[in-house]
């Protein structure tokens, strides 16, 4: 790169001032895309562990175990018979647990 030695040189103070202005401009650009979050709205949707949910009701209908399903004796989840891997000494075991 060619250097023009006839141009006036900047002092260290002027260089520091320019770099400070560049940093401020970069910070302003970075913050311009930030999303404003309403703290009150975020706090309303937060559920704390151990919160009293006694006045809540279930909105999901729970069905009893069907004839073609089994309960795995290792993970205690109800699976379809197609996921049965083997019958262990304690009972049926699903393919995920074997």
Protein backbone atom coordinates (compact mmCIF):
# COMPACT_ATOMS: atom_id res chain seq x y z
CA UNK A 1 0.00 0.00 0.00
CA UNK A 2 1.37 3.40 -0.93
CA UNK A 3 1.85 6.03 1.77
CA UNK A 4 1.43 9.73 1.09
CA UNK A 5 4.07 11.42 3.23
CA UNK A 6 2.83 14.92 2.37
CA UNK A 7 -0.49 14.58 4.22
CA UNK A 8 -0.63 16.08 7.72
CA UNK A 9 -0.20 13.52 10.47
CA UNK A 10 -2.66 13.10 13.31
CA UNK A 11 -1.60 13.26 16.94
CA UNK A 12 -2.15 10.40 19.37
CA UNK A 13 -4.99 12.35 20.96
CA UNK A 14 -6.80 12.72 17.63
CA UNK A 15 -6.34 9.00 16.89
CA UNK A 16 -7.74 8.07 20.32
CA UNK A 17 -10.73 10.38 19.78
CA UNK A 18 -11.49 8.80 16.38
CA UNK A 19 -11.28 5.26 17.73
CA UNK A 20 -13.56 6.23 20.62
CA UNK A 21 -16.12 7.60 18.17
CA UNK A 22 -15.90 4.39 16.11
CA UNK A 23 -16.51 2.27 19.22
CA UNK A 24 -19.54 4.36 20.16
CA UNK A 25 -20.93 4.00 16.65
CA UNK A 26 -20.42 0.22 16.70
CA UNK A 27 -22.12 -0.05 20.10
CA UNK A 28 -25.07 1.99 18.84
CA UNK A 29 -25.40 -0.30 15.80
CA UNK A 30 -25.26 -3.42 17.96
CA UNK A 31 -27.92 -2.13 20.38
CA UNK A 32 -30.24 -0.94 17.62
CA UNK A 33 -31.27 -4.53 16.84
CA UNK A 34 -32.01 -5.42 20.46
CA UNK A 35 -35.56 -6.39 21.34
CA UNK A 36 -37.20 -4.55 24.22
CA UNK A 37 -38.55 -7.07 26.72
CA UNK A 38 -41.31 -6.06 29.06
CA UNK A 39 -40.13 -7.34 32.45
CA UNK A 40 -43.63 -7.28 33.92
CA UNK A 41 -45.02 -9.47 31.13
CA UNK A 42 -42.11 -11.90 31.43
CA UNK A 43 -42.65 -12.18 35.20
CA UNK A 44 -46.37 -12.94 34.77
CA UNK A 45 -45.62 -15.96 32.58
CA UNK A 46 -42.99 -17.36 34.96
CA UNK A 47 -43.98 -20.26 37.18
CA UNK A 48 -41.92 -20.79 40.28
CA UNK A 49 -41.18 -24.30 41.57
CA UNK A 50 -43.50 -25.21 44.41
CA UNK A 51 -46.15 -22.72 43.30
CA UNK A 52 -49.70 -23.38 44.48
CA UNK A 53 -51.59 -24.86 41.52
CA UNK A 54 -54.51 -26.23 43.53
CA UNK A 55 -57.03 -24.04 41.72
CA UNK A 56 -55.89 -25.28 38.30
CA UNK A 57 -57.79 -28.01 36.47
CA UNK A 58 -56.56 -30.54 33.91
CA UNK A 59 -57.49 -29.83 30.34
CA UNK A 60 -56.24 -33.17 28.99
CA UNK A 61 -58.42 -36.24 28.90
CA UNK A 62 -56.51 -39.22 30.28
CA UNK A 63 -57.38 -42.61 28.82
CA UNK A 64 -56.83 -45.89 30.66
CA UNK A 65 -54.29 -48.38 29.32
CA UNK A 66 -55.66 -50.05 26.17
CA UNK A 67 -55.63 -53.79 25.39
CA UNK A 68 -52.77 -53.40 22.88
CA UNK A 69 -50.54 -51.46 25.29
CA UNK A 70 -48.17 -52.42 28.09
CA UNK A 71 -46.34 -50.66 30.92
CA UNK A 72 -42.55 -51.02 30.80
CA UNK A 73 -41.13 -52.27 34.09
CA UNK A 74 -37.96 -50.17 33.71
CA UNK A 75 -39.20 -46.71 32.61
CA UNK A 76 -42.85 -47.16 33.73
CA UNK A 77 -44.16 -45.63 30.51
CA UNK A 78 -47.12 -47.03 28.61
CA UNK A 79 -46.11 -48.22 25.11
CA UNK A 80 -47.83 -49.91 22.19
CA UNK A 81 -47.22 -53.67 21.85
CA UNK A 82 -45.07 -53.00 18.76
CA UNK A 83 -42.44 -51.49 21.09
CA UNK A 84 -42.22 -54.58 23.29
CA UNK A 85 -38.65 -55.90 23.25
CA UNK A 86 -38.91 -58.84 25.65
CA UNK A 87 -40.68 -60.15 28.70
CA UNK A 88 -38.20 -59.97 31.57
CA UNK A 89 -38.43 -61.73 34.92
CA UNK A 90 -40.09 -58.61 36.37
CA UNK A 91 -42.38 -57.98 33.40
CA UNK A 92 -42.42 -56.44 29.91
CA UNK A 93 -39.52 -54.21 28.80
CA UNK A 94 -39.75 -51.71 25.93
CA UNK A 95 -37.23 -51.46 23.10
CA UNK A 96 -35.95 -48.10 24.43
CA UNK A 97 -34.94 -49.60 27.79
CA UNK A 98 -33.38 -52.83 26.52
